[in-house]
Amino acid sequence: MLSEHNINDCRTLREKLIDLLTGNPGKSFTAKEICEILDIESEAEVYALIKQIARILRRKGAKVAFSKPVCRKCGFVMSKMDARKCPKCRSEWIEPAKFAVLR
């Protein structure tokens, strides 16, 4: 018989991410935090997964919400969730996007 730990290891990254976001109502996560929690190599992979699960959750009546990245130097709000540099002042001091699920 499989232990609970082994069963959890059989889940896909999408399933793990959906469980993380839906299992923590009222809490939002940055891509970096998601990487650390789910042991994902790159933040780019998290952004791709977020886009995929947004479609899945939309069909189930939920929505992936995210706060847009903000430049900590000049306050510019970026439109892309994976912004690395401020287009206005060129600062790399960016407050990252945070993701949560709304029902």
PDB file of N, CA and C in Angstrom:
ATOM      1  N   MET A   1       0.839  -1.183   0.000  1.00  0.00           N
ATOM      2  CA  MET A   1       0.000   0.000   0.000  1.00  0.00           C
ATOM      3  C   MET A   1       0.884   1.246   0.000  1.00  0.00           C
ATOM      4  N   LEU A   2       0.500   2.238  -0.780  1.00  0.00           N
ATOM      5  CA  LEU A   2       1.277   3.466  -0.871  1.00  0.00           C
ATOM      6  C   LEU A   2       1.008   4.364   0.325  1.00  0.00           C
ATOM      7  N   SER A   3       2.051   5.008   0.785  1.00  0.00           N
ATOM      8  CA  SER A   3       1.854   5.983   1.855  1.00  0.00           C
ATOM      9  C   SER A   3       1.311   7.272   1.256  1.00  0.00           C
ATOM     10  N   GLU A   4       0.820   8.150   2.102  1.00  0.00           N
ATOM     11  CA  GLU A   4       0.279   9.424   1.623  1.00  0.00           C
ATOM     12  C   GLU A   4       1.356  10.231   0.912  1.00  0.00           C
ATOM     13  N   HIS A   5       2.593  10.144   1.396  1.00  0.00           N
ATOM     14  CA  HIS A   5       3.697  10.881   0.781  1.00  0.00           C
ATOM     15  C   HIS A   5       3.903  10.427  -0.667  1.00  0.00           C
ATOM     16  N   ASN A   6       3.866   9.131  -0.902  1.00  0.00           N
ATOM     17  CA  ASN A   6       4.052   8.619  -2.257  1.00  0.00           C
ATOM     18  C   ASN A   6       2.898   9.006  -3.170  1.00  0.00           C
ATOM     19  N   ILE A   7       1.700   9.020  -2.635  1.00  0.00           N
ATOM     20  CA  ILE A   7       0.547   9.421  -3.437  1.00  0.00           C
ATOM     21  C   ILE A   7       0.704  10.878  -3.863  1.00  0.00           C
ATOM     22  N   ASN A   8       1.128  11.732  -2.947  1.00  0.00           N
ATOM     23  CA  ASN A   8       1.316  13.140  -3.276  1.00  0.00           C
ATOM     24  C   ASN A   8       2.392  13.324  -4.337  1.00  0.00           C
ATOM     25  N   ASP A   9       3.394  12.471  -4.344  1.00  0.00           N
ATOM     26  CA  ASP A   9       4.459  12.580  -5.331  1.00  0.00           C
ATOM     27  C   ASP A   9       3.973  12.222  -6.733  1.00  0.00           C
ATOM     28  N   CYS A  10       2.863  11.515  -6.835  1.00  0.00           N
ATOM     29  CA  CYS A  10       2.326  11.117  -8.134  1.00  0.00           C
ATOM     30  C   CYS A  10       1.561  12.253  -8.814  1.00  0.00           C
ATOM     31  N   ARG A  11       1.237  13.272  -8.060  1.00  0.00           N
ATOM     32  CA  ARG A  11       0.484  14.384  -8.638  1.00  0.00           C
ATOM     33  C   ARG A  11       1.374  15.193  -9.581  1.00  0.00           C
ATOM     34  N   THR A  12       0.754  15.788 -10.575  1.00  0.00           N
ATOM     35  CA  THR A  12       1.502  16.643 -11.494  1.00  0.00           C
ATOM     36  C   THR A  12       1.777  17.985 -10.830  1.00  0.00           C
ATOM     37  N   LEU A  13       2.681  18.744 -11.413  1.00  0.00           N
ATOM     38  CA  LEU A  13       2.962  20.081 -10.884  1.00  0.00           C
ATOM     39  C   LEU A  13       1.712  20.953 -10.927  1.00  0.00           C
ATOM     40  N   ARG A  14       0.918  20.804 -11.973  1.00  0.00           N
ATOM     41  CA  ARG A  14      -0.328  21.577 -12.061  1.00  0.00           C
ATOM     42  C   ARG A  14      -1.228  21.268 -10.872  1.00  0.00           C
ATOM     43  N   GLU A  15      -1.384  19.984 -10.586  1.00  0.00           N
ATOM     44  CA  GLU A  15      -2.243  19.580  -9.468  1.00  0.00           C
ATOM     45  C   GLU A  15      -1.699  20.102  -8.141  1.00  0.00           C
ATOM     46  N   LYS A  16      -0.393  20.021  -7.970  1.00  0.00           N
ATOM     47  CA  LYS A  16       0.217  20.518  -6.734  1.00  0.00           C
ATOM     48  C   LYS A  16       0.021  22.023  -6.595  1.00  0.00           C
ATOM     49  N   LEU A  17       0.167  22.749  -7.702  1.00  0.00           N
ATOM     50  CA  LEU A  17      -0.007  24.198  -7.661  1.00  0.00           C
ATOM     51  C   LEU A  17      -1.463  24.567  -7.385  1.00  0.00           C
ATOM     52  N   ILE A  18      -2.382  23.863  -8.008  1.00  0.00           N
ATOM     53  CA  ILE A  18      -3.806  24.108  -7.748  1.00  0.00           C
ATOM     54  C   ILE A  18      -4.114  23.843  -6.280  1.00  0.00           C
ATOM     55  N   ASP A  19      -3.599  22.741  -5.744  1.00  0.00           N
ATOM     56  CA  ASP A  19      -3.818  22.420  -4.329  1.00  0.00           C
ATOM     57  C   ASP A  19      -3.222  23.488  -3.416  1.00  0.00           C
ATOM     58  N   LEU A  20      -2.041  23.972  -3.765  1.00  0.00           N
ATOM     59  CA  LEU A  20      -1.392  25.006  -2.955  1.00  0.00           C
ATOM     60  C   LEU A  20      -2.231  26.279  -2.930  1.00  0.00           C
ATOM     61  N   LEU A  21      -2.662  26.722  -4.100  1.00  0.00           N
ATOM     62  CA  LEU A  21      -3.399  27.986  -4.177  1.00  0.00           C
ATOM     63  C   LEU A  21      -4.818  27.877  -3.625  1.00  0.00           C
ATOM     64  N   THR A  22      -5.491  26.758  -3.879  1.00  0.00           N
ATOM     65  CA  THR A  22      -6.863  26.615  -3.386  1.00  0.00           C
ATOM     66  C   THR A  22      -6.895  26.188  -1.919  1.00  0.00           C
ATOM     67  N   GLY A  23      -5.835  25.564  -1.458  1.00  0.00           N
ATOM     68  CA  GLY A  23      -5.787  25.086  -0.077  1.00  0.00           C
ATOM     69  C   GLY A  23      -5.381  26.143   0.929  1.00  0.00           C
ATOM     70  N   ASN A  24      -5.072  27.329   0.460  1.00  0.00           N
ATOM     71  CA  ASN A  24      -4.662  28.428   1.340  1.00  0.00           C
ATOM     72  C   ASN A  24      -5.484  29.675   1.025  1.00  0.00           C
ATOM     73  N   PRO A  25      -6.782  29.648   1.344  1.00  0.00           N
ATOM     74  CA  PRO A  25      -7.620  30.804   1.017  1.00  0.00           C
ATOM     75  C   PRO A  25      -7.144  32.064   1.736  1.00  0.00           C
ATOM     76  N   GLY A  26      -7.164  33.151   1.007  1.00  0.00           N
ATOM     77  CA  GLY A  26      -6.749  34.422   1.587  1.00  0.00           C
ATOM     78  C   GLY A  26      -5.246  34.641   1.575  1.00  0.00           C
ATOM     79  N   LYS A  27      -4.481  33.660   1.130  1.00  0.00           N
ATOM     80  CA  LYS A  27      -3.025  33.797   1.085  1.00  0.00           C
ATOM     81  C   LYS A  27      -2.585  33.856  -0.372  1.00  0.00           C
ATOM     82  N   SER A  28      -1.656  34.739  -0.641  1.00  0.00           N
ATOM     83  CA  SER A  28      -1.104  34.824  -1.990  1.00  0.00           C
ATOM     84  C   SER A  28       0.376  34.459  -1.946  1.00  0.00           C
ATOM     85  N   PHE A  29       0.876  33.985  -3.072  1.00  0.00           N
ATOM     86  CA  PHE A  29       2.249  33.509  -3.166  1.00  0.00           C
ATOM     87  C   PHE A  29       2.956  34.160  -4.342  1.00  0.00           C
ATOM     88  N   THR A  30       4.236  34.462  -4.169  1.00  0.00           N
ATOM     89  CA  THR A  30       5.053  34.926  -5.288  1.00  0.00           C
ATOM     90  C   THR A  30       5.558  33.703  -6.048  1.00  0.00           C
ATOM     91  N   ALA A  31       6.050  33.918  -7.254  1.00  0.00           N
ATOM     92  CA  ALA A  31       6.601  32.814  -8.041  1.00  0.00           C
ATOM     93  C   ALA A  31       7.789  32.187  -7.315  1.00  0.00           C
ATOM     94  N   LYS A  32       8.572  33.007  -6.660  1.00  0.00           N
ATOM     95  CA  LYS A  32       9.733  32.492  -5.920  1.00  0.00           C
ATOM     96  C   LYS A  32       9.288  31.587  -4.771  1.00  0.00           C
ATOM     97  N   GLU A  33       8.255  31.998  -4.057  1.00  0.00           N
ATOM     98  CA  GLU A  33       7.737  31.174  -2.963  1.00  0.00           C
ATOM     99  C   GLU A  33       7.194  29.846  -3.489  1.00  0.00           C
ATOM    100  N   ILE A  34       6.500  29.905  -4.615  1.00  0.00           N
ATOM    101  CA  ILE A  34       5.955  28.687  -5.220  1.00  0.00           C
ATOM    102  C   ILE A  34       7.093  27.759  -5.634  1.00  0.00           C
ATOM    103  N   CYS A  35       8.162  28.324  -6.197  1.00  0.00           N
ATOM    104  CA  CYS A  35       9.336  27.522  -6.570  1.00  0.00           C
ATOM    105  C   CYS A  35       9.896  26.781  -5.357  1.00  0.00           C
ATOM    106  N   GLU A  36      10.013  27.485  -4.256  1.00  0.00           N
ATOM    107  CA  GLU A  36      10.578  26.885  -3.046  1.00  0.00           C
ATOM    108  C   GLU A  36       9.655  25.815  -2.467  1.00  0.00           C
ATOM    109  N   ILE A  37       8.365  26.091  -2.422  1.00  0.00           N
ATOM    110  CA  ILE A  37       7.411  25.153  -1.828  1.00  0.00           C
ATOM    111  C   ILE A  37       7.277  23.888  -2.666  1.00  0.00           C
ATOM    112  N   LEU A  38       7.176  24.051  -3.986  1.00  0.00           N
ATOM    113  CA  LEU A  38       6.938  22.906  -4.865  1.00  0.00           C
ATOM    114  C   LEU A  38       8.209  22.351  -5.497  1.00  0.00           C
ATOM    115  N   ASP A  39       9.354  22.903  -5.122  1.00  0.00           N
ATOM    116  CA  ASP A  39      10.646  22.448  -5.636  1.00  0.00           C
ATOM    117  C   ASP A  39      10.694  22.515  -7.166  1.00  0.00           C
ATOM    118  N   ILE A  40      10.360  23.687  -7.681  1.00  0.00           N
ATOM    119  CA  ILE A  40      10.394  23.940  -9.121  1.00  0.00           C
ATOM    120  C   ILE A  40      11.679  24.698  -9.424  1.00  0.00           C
ATOM    121  N   GLU A  41      12.301  24.360 -10.538  1.00  0.00           N
ATOM    122  CA  GLU A  41      13.604  24.927 -10.900  1.00  0.00           C
ATOM    123  C   GLU A  41      13.571  26.432 -11.180  1.00  0.00           C
ATOM    124  N   SER A  42      12.609  26.879 -11.991  1.00  0.00           N
ATOM    125  CA  SER A  42      12.648  28.279 -12.416  1.00  0.00           C
ATOM    126  C   SER A  42      11.297  28.972 -12.239  1.00  0.00           C
ATOM    127  N   GLU A  43      11.372  30.264 -12.048  1.00  0.00           N
ATOM    128  CA  GLU A  43      10.155  31.062 -11.933  1.00  0.00           C
ATOM    129  C   GLU A  43       9.403  31.090 -13.258  1.00  0.00           C
ATOM    130  N   ALA A  44      10.128  30.990 -14.365  1.00  0.00           N
ATOM    131  CA  ALA A  44       9.482  30.969 -15.681  1.00  0.00           C
ATOM    132  C   ALA A  44       8.526  29.782 -15.791  1.00  0.00           C
ATOM    133  N   GLU A  45       8.914  28.669 -15.210  1.00  0.00           N
ATOM    134  CA  GLU A  45       8.049  27.488 -15.216  1.00  0.00           C
ATOM    135  C   GLU A  45       6.783  27.746 -14.396  1.00  0.00           C
ATOM    136  N   VAL A  46       6.931  28.466 -13.300  1.00  0.00           N
ATOM    137  CA  VAL A  46       5.767  28.811 -12.472  1.00  0.00           C
ATOM    138  C   VAL A  46       4.806  29.694 -13.260  1.00  0.00           C
ATOM    139  N   TYR A  47       5.336  30.695 -13.967  1.00  0.00           N
ATOM    140  CA  TYR A  47       4.470  31.578 -14.754  1.00  0.00           C
ATOM    141  C   TYR A  47       3.715  30.793 -15.826  1.00  0.00           C
ATOM    142  N   ALA A  48       4.385  29.838 -16.450  1.00  0.00           N
ATOM    143  CA  ALA A  48       3.723  29.002 -17.460  1.00  0.00           C
ATOM    144  C   ALA A  48       2.627  28.150 -16.813  1.00  0.00           C
ATOM    145  N   LEU A  49       2.922  27.593 -15.647  1.00  0.00           N
ATOM    146  CA  LEU A  49       1.925  26.788 -14.933  1.00  0.00           C
ATOM    147  C   LEU A  49       0.730  27.632 -14.503  1.00  0.00           C
ATOM    148  N   ILE A  50       0.992  28.849 -14.060  1.00  0.00           N
ATOM    149  CA  ILE A  50      -0.094  29.749 -13.643  1.00  0.00           C
ATOM    150  C   ILE A  50      -1.051  29.983 -14.807  1.00  0.00           C
ATOM    151  N   LYS A  51      -0.495  30.226 -15.984  1.00  0.00           N
ATOM    152  CA  LYS A  51      -1.343  30.449 -17.164  1.00  0.00           C
ATOM    153  C   LYS A  51      -2.185  29.216 -17.470  1.00  0.00           C
ATOM    154  N   GLN A  52      -1.589  28.041 -17.321  1.00  0.00           N
ATOM    155  CA  GLN A  52      -2.314  26.798 -17.595  1.00  0.00           C
ATOM    156  C   GLN A  52      -3.420  26.552 -16.572  1.00  0.00           C
ATOM    157  N   ILE A  53      -3.095  26.717 -15.296  1.00  0.00           N
ATOM    158  CA  ILE A  53      -4.116  26.421 -14.286  1.00  0.00           C
ATOM    159  C   ILE A  53      -5.209  27.483 -14.259  1.00  0.00           C
ATOM    160  N   ALA A  54      -4.915  28.672 -14.762  1.00  0.00           N
ATOM    161  CA  ALA A  54      -5.956  29.707 -14.835  1.00  0.00           C
ATOM    162  C   ALA A  54      -7.099  29.223 -15.723  1.00  0.00           C
ATOM    163  N   ARG A  55      -6.755  28.585 -16.831  1.00  0.00           N
ATOM    164  CA  ARG A  55      -7.787  28.052 -17.731  1.00  0.00           C
ATOM    165  C   ARG A  55      -8.551  26.907 -17.066  1.00  0.00           C
ATOM    166  N   ILE A  56      -7.828  26.047 -16.373  1.00  0.00           N
ATOM    167  CA  ILE A  56      -8.460  24.907 -15.698  1.00  0.00           C
ATOM    168  C   ILE A  56      -9.433  25.397 -14.628  1.00  0.00           C
ATOM    169  N   LEU A  57      -8.973  26.332 -13.808  1.00  0.00           N
ATOM    170  CA  LEU A  57      -9.812  26.825 -12.710  1.00  0.00           C
ATOM    171  C   LEU A  57     -10.994  27.647 -13.213  1.00  0.00           C
ATOM    172  N   ARG A  58     -10.819  28.339 -14.317  1.00  0.00           N
ATOM    173  CA  ARG A  58     -11.920  29.122 -14.891  1.00  0.00           C
ATOM    174  C   ARG A  58     -13.089  28.201 -15.238  1.00  0.00           C
ATOM    175  N   ARG A  59     -12.768  27.026 -15.772  1.00  0.00           N
ATOM    176  CA  ARG A  59     -13.821  26.058 -16.106  1.00  0.00           C
ATOM    177  C   ARG A  59     -14.522  25.537 -14.855  1.00  0.00           C
ATOM    178  N   LYS A  60     -13.826  25.588 -13.722  1.00  0.00           N
ATOM    179  CA  LYS A  60     -14.404  25.106 -12.464  1.00  0.00           C
ATOM    180  C   LYS A  60     -15.044  26.231 -11.655  1.00  0.00           C
ATOM    181  N   GLY A  61     -15.112  27.421 -12.231  1.00  0.00           N
ATOM    182  CA  GLY A  61     -15.766  28.537 -11.566  1.00  0.00           C
ATOM    183  C   GLY A  61     -14.879  29.339 -10.628  1.00  0.00           C
ATOM    184  N   ALA A  62     -13.583  29.125 -10.687  1.00  0.00           N
ATOM    185  CA  ALA A  62     -12.647  29.884  -9.855  1.00  0.00           C
ATOM    186  C   ALA A  62     -11.781  30.756 -10.763  1.00  0.00           C
ATOM    187  N   LYS A  63     -11.022  31.630 -10.148  1.00  0.00           N
ATOM    188  CA  LYS A  63     -10.197  32.552 -10.918  1.00  0.00           C
ATOM    189  C   LYS A  63      -8.849  32.719 -10.236  1.00  0.00           C
ATOM    190  N   VAL A  64      -7.782  32.705 -11.038  1.00  0.00           N
ATOM    191  CA  VAL A  64      -6.457  33.003 -10.506  1.00  0.00           C
ATOM    192  C   VAL A  64      -6.284  34.515 -10.576  1.00  0.00           C
ATOM    193  N   ALA A  65      -6.108  35.112  -9.429  1.00  0.00           N
ATOM    194  CA  ALA A  65      -5.899  36.558  -9.364  1.00  0.00           C
ATOM    195  C   ALA A  65      -4.433  36.816  -9.056  1.00  0.00           C
ATOM    196  N   PHE A  66      -3.918  37.914  -9.583  1.00  0.00           N
ATOM    197  CA  PHE A  66      -2.545  38.266  -9.238  1.00  0.00           C
ATOM    198  C   PHE A  66      -2.403  39.770  -9.106  1.00  0.00           C
ATOM    199  N   SER A  67      -1.562  40.141  -8.161  1.00  0.00           N
ATOM    200  CA  SER A  67      -1.232  41.554  -8.013  1.00  0.00           C
ATOM    201  C   SER A  67      -0.097  41.839  -8.982  1.00  0.00           C
ATOM    202  N   LYS A  68      -0.184  42.934  -9.670  1.00  0.00           N
ATOM    203  CA  LYS A  68       0.829  43.261 -10.670  1.00  0.00           C
ATOM    204  C   LYS A  68       2.136  43.678  -9.997  1.00  0.00           C
ATOM    205  N   PRO A  69       3.258  43.373 -10.649  1.00  0.00           N
ATOM    206  CA  PRO A  69       4.547  43.804 -10.097  1.00  0.00           C
ATOM    207  C   PRO A  69       4.640  45.328 -10.066  1.00  0.00           C
ATOM    208  N   VAL A  70       5.286  45.844  -9.031  1.00  0.00           N
ATOM    209  CA  VAL A  70       5.417  47.289  -8.854  1.00  0.00           C
ATOM    210  C   VAL A  70       6.886  47.623  -8.620  1.00  0.00           C
ATOM    211  N   CYS A  71       7.344  48.676  -9.267  1.00  0.00           N
ATOM    212  CA  CYS A  71       8.710  49.148  -9.053  1.00  0.00           C
ATOM    213  C   CYS A  71       8.781  49.789  -7.668  1.00  0.00           C
ATOM    214  N   ARG A  72       9.709  49.330  -6.872  1.00  0.00           N
ATOM    215  CA  ARG A  72       9.855  49.875  -5.520  1.00  0.00           C
ATOM    216  C   ARG A  72      10.553  51.233  -5.532  1.00  0.00           C
ATOM    217  N   LYS A  73      11.166  51.579  -6.641  1.00  0.00           N
ATOM    218  CA  LYS A  73      11.885  52.853  -6.726  1.00  0.00           C
ATOM    219  C   LYS A  73      10.962  53.991  -7.162  1.00  0.00           C
ATOM    220  N   CYS A  74      10.227  53.774  -8.259  1.00  0.00           N
ATOM    221  CA  CYS A  74       9.408  54.870  -8.790  1.00  0.00           C
ATOM    222  C   CYS A  74       7.906  54.620  -8.673  1.00  0.00           C
ATOM    223  N   GLY A  75       7.504  53.400  -8.304  1.00  0.00           N
ATOM    224  CA  GLY A  75       6.088  53.104  -8.128  1.00  0.00           C
ATOM    225  C   GLY A  75       5.345  52.694  -9.387  1.00  0.00           C
ATOM    226  N   PHE A  76       6.051  52.539 -10.490  1.00  0.00           N
ATOM    227  CA  PHE A  76       5.418  52.149 -11.746  1.00  0.00           C
ATOM    228  C   PHE A  76       4.816  50.752 -11.612  1.00  0.00           C
ATOM    229  N   VAL A  77       3.579  50.585 -12.087  1.00  0.00           N
ATOM    230  CA  VAL A  77       2.897  49.291 -12.048  1.00  0.00           C
ATOM    231  C   VAL A  77       3.038  48.635 -13.415  1.00  0.00           C
ATOM    232  N   MET A  78       3.639  47.445 -13.429  1.00  0.00           N
ATOM    233  CA  MET A  78       3.861  46.739 -14.687  1.00  0.00           C
ATOM    234  C   MET A  78       2.643  45.918 -15.080  1.00  0.00           C
ATOM    235  N   SER A  79       2.482  45.696 -16.360  1.00  0.00           N
ATOM    236  CA  SER A  79       1.345  44.908 -16.824  1.00  0.00           C
ATOM    237  C   SER A  79       1.685  43.421 -16.919  1.00  0.00           C
ATOM    238  N   LYS A  80       2.953  43.095 -17.140  1.00  0.00           N
ATOM    239  CA  LYS A  80       3.361  41.691 -17.239  1.00  0.00           C
ATOM    240  C   LYS A  80       3.636  41.131 -15.851  1.00  0.00           C
ATOM    241  N   MET A  81       3.181  39.902 -15.618  1.00  0.00           N
ATOM    242  CA  MET A  81       3.371  39.326 -14.287  1.00  0.00           C
ATOM    243  C   MET A  81       4.807  38.892 -14.031  1.00  0.00           C
ATOM    244  N   ASP A  82       5.615  38.761 -15.069  1.00  0.00           N
ATOM    245  CA  ASP A  82       6.991  38.296 -14.883  1.00  0.00           C
ATOM    246  C   ASP A  82       8.025  39.394 -15.149  1.00  0.00           C
ATOM    247  N   ALA A  83       7.669  40.630 -14.868  1.00  0.00           N
ATOM    248  CA  ALA A  83       8.568  41.764 -15.113  1.00  0.00           C
ATOM    249  C   ALA A  83       9.822  41.659 -14.248  1.00  0.00           C
ATOM    250  N   ARG A  84      10.944  41.975 -14.834  1.00  0.00           N
ATOM    251  CA  ARG A  84      12.234  41.918 -14.141  1.00  0.00           C
ATOM    252  C   ARG A  84      12.869  43.292 -13.956  1.00  0.00           C
ATOM    253  N   LYS A  85      12.483  44.236 -14.825  1.00  0.00           N
ATOM    254  CA  LYS A  85      13.091  45.558 -14.796  1.00  0.00           C
ATOM    255  C   LYS A  85      12.015  46.588 -15.098  1.00  0.00           C
ATOM    256  N   CYS A  86      12.066  47.707 -14.403  1.00  0.00           N
ATOM    257  CA  CYS A  86      11.087  48.768 -14.605  1.00  0.00           C
ATOM    258  C   CYS A  86      11.333  49.451 -15.954  1.00  0.00           C
ATOM    259  N   PRO A  87      10.305  49.540 -16.796  1.00  0.00           N
ATOM    260  CA  PRO A  87      10.490  50.211 -18.081  1.00  0.00           C
ATOM    261  C   PRO A  87      10.618  51.729 -17.943  1.00  0.00           C
ATOM    262  N   LYS A  88      10.190  52.255 -16.814  1.00  0.00           N
ATOM    263  CA  LYS A  88      10.229  53.703 -16.611  1.00  0.00           C
ATOM    264  C   LYS A  88      11.593  54.175 -16.097  1.00  0.00           C
ATOM    265  N   CYS A  89      12.081  53.559 -15.016  1.00  0.00           N
ATOM    266  CA  CYS A  89      13.335  54.034 -14.412  1.00  0.00           C
ATOM    267  C   CYS A  89      14.483  53.029 -14.541  1.00  0.00           C
ATOM    268  N   ARG A  90      14.208  51.874 -15.130  1.00  0.00           N
ATOM    269  CA  ARG A  90      15.202  50.813 -15.349  1.00  0.00           C
ATOM    270  C   ARG A  90      15.688  50.135 -14.064  1.00  0.00           C
ATOM    271  N   SER A  91      15.015  50.385 -12.972  1.00  0.00           N
ATOM    272  CA  SER A  91      15.386  49.752 -11.713  1.00  0.00           C
ATOM    273  C   SER A  91      15.027  48.269 -11.746  1.00  0.00           C
ATOM    274  N   GLU A  92      15.805  47.463 -11.073  1.00  0.00           N
ATOM    275  CA  GLU A  92      15.505  46.040 -10.941  1.00  0.00           C
ATOM    276  C   GLU A  92      14.930  45.736  -9.556  1.00  0.00           C
ATOM    277  N   TRP A  93      14.608  46.769  -8.829  1.00  0.00           N
ATOM    278  CA  TRP A  93      14.046  46.632  -7.494  1.00  0.00           C
ATOM    279  C   TRP A  93      12.527  46.534  -7.629  1.00  0.00           C
ATOM    280  N   ILE A  94      12.060  45.339  -7.935  1.00  0.00           N
ATOM    281  CA  ILE A  94      10.661  45.100  -8.284  1.00  0.00           C
ATOM    282  C   ILE A  94       9.968  44.288  -7.189  1.00  0.00           C
ATOM    283  N   GLU A  95       8.802  44.750  -6.786  1.00  0.00           N
ATOM    284  CA  GLU A  95       7.941  43.961  -5.894  1.00  0.00           C
ATOM    285  C   GLU A  95       7.240  42.942  -6.791  1.00  0.00           C
ATOM    286  N   PRO A  96       7.489  41.644  -6.600  1.00  0.00           N
ATOM    287  CA  PRO A  96       6.968  40.645  -7.540  1.00  0.00           C
ATOM    288  C   PRO A  96       5.452  40.468  -7.467  1.00  0.00           C
ATOM    289  N   ALA A  97       4.923  39.905  -8.537  1.00  0.00           N
ATOM    290  CA  ALA A  97       3.496  39.573  -8.581  1.00  0.00           C
ATOM    291  C   ALA A  97       3.203  38.496  -7.547  1.00  0.00           C
ATOM    292  N   LYS A  98       1.991  38.541  -6.998  1.00  0.00           N
ATOM    293  CA  LYS A  98       1.545  37.515  -6.052  1.00  0.00           C
ATOM    294  C   LYS A  98       0.274  36.888  -6.604  1.00  0.00           C
ATOM    295  N   PHE A  99       0.158  35.582  -6.415  1.00  0.00           N
ATOM    296  CA  PHE A  99      -0.944  34.822  -6.995  1.00  0.00           C
ATOM    297  C   PHE A  99      -1.824  34.210  -5.918  1.00  0.00           C
ATOM    298  N   ALA A 100      -3.125  34.197  -6.194  1.00  0.00           N
ATOM    299  CA  ALA A 100      -4.099  33.585  -5.291  1.00  0.00           C
ATOM    300  C   ALA A 100      -5.282  33.107  -6.131  1.00  0.00           C
ATOM    301  N   VAL A 101      -6.111  32.270  -5.538  1.00  0.00           N
ATOM    302  CA  VAL A 101      -7.314  31.789  -6.224  1.00  0.00           C
ATOM    303  C   VAL A 101      -8.529  32.407  -5.560  1.00  0.00           C
ATOM    304  N   LEU A 102      -9.404  32.954  -6.390  1.00  0.00           N
ATOM    305  CA  LEU A 102     -10.671  33.520  -5.919  1.00  0.00           C
ATOM    306  C   LEU A 102     -11.797  32.616  -6.385  1.00  0.00           C
ATOM    307  N   ARG A 103     -12.740  32.395  -5.524  1.00  0.00           N
ATOM    308  CA  ARG A 103     -13.895  31.558  -5.900  1.00  0.00           C
ATOM    309  C   ARG A 103     -15.118  32.407  -6.062  1.00  0.00           C
TER     310      ARG A 103
END
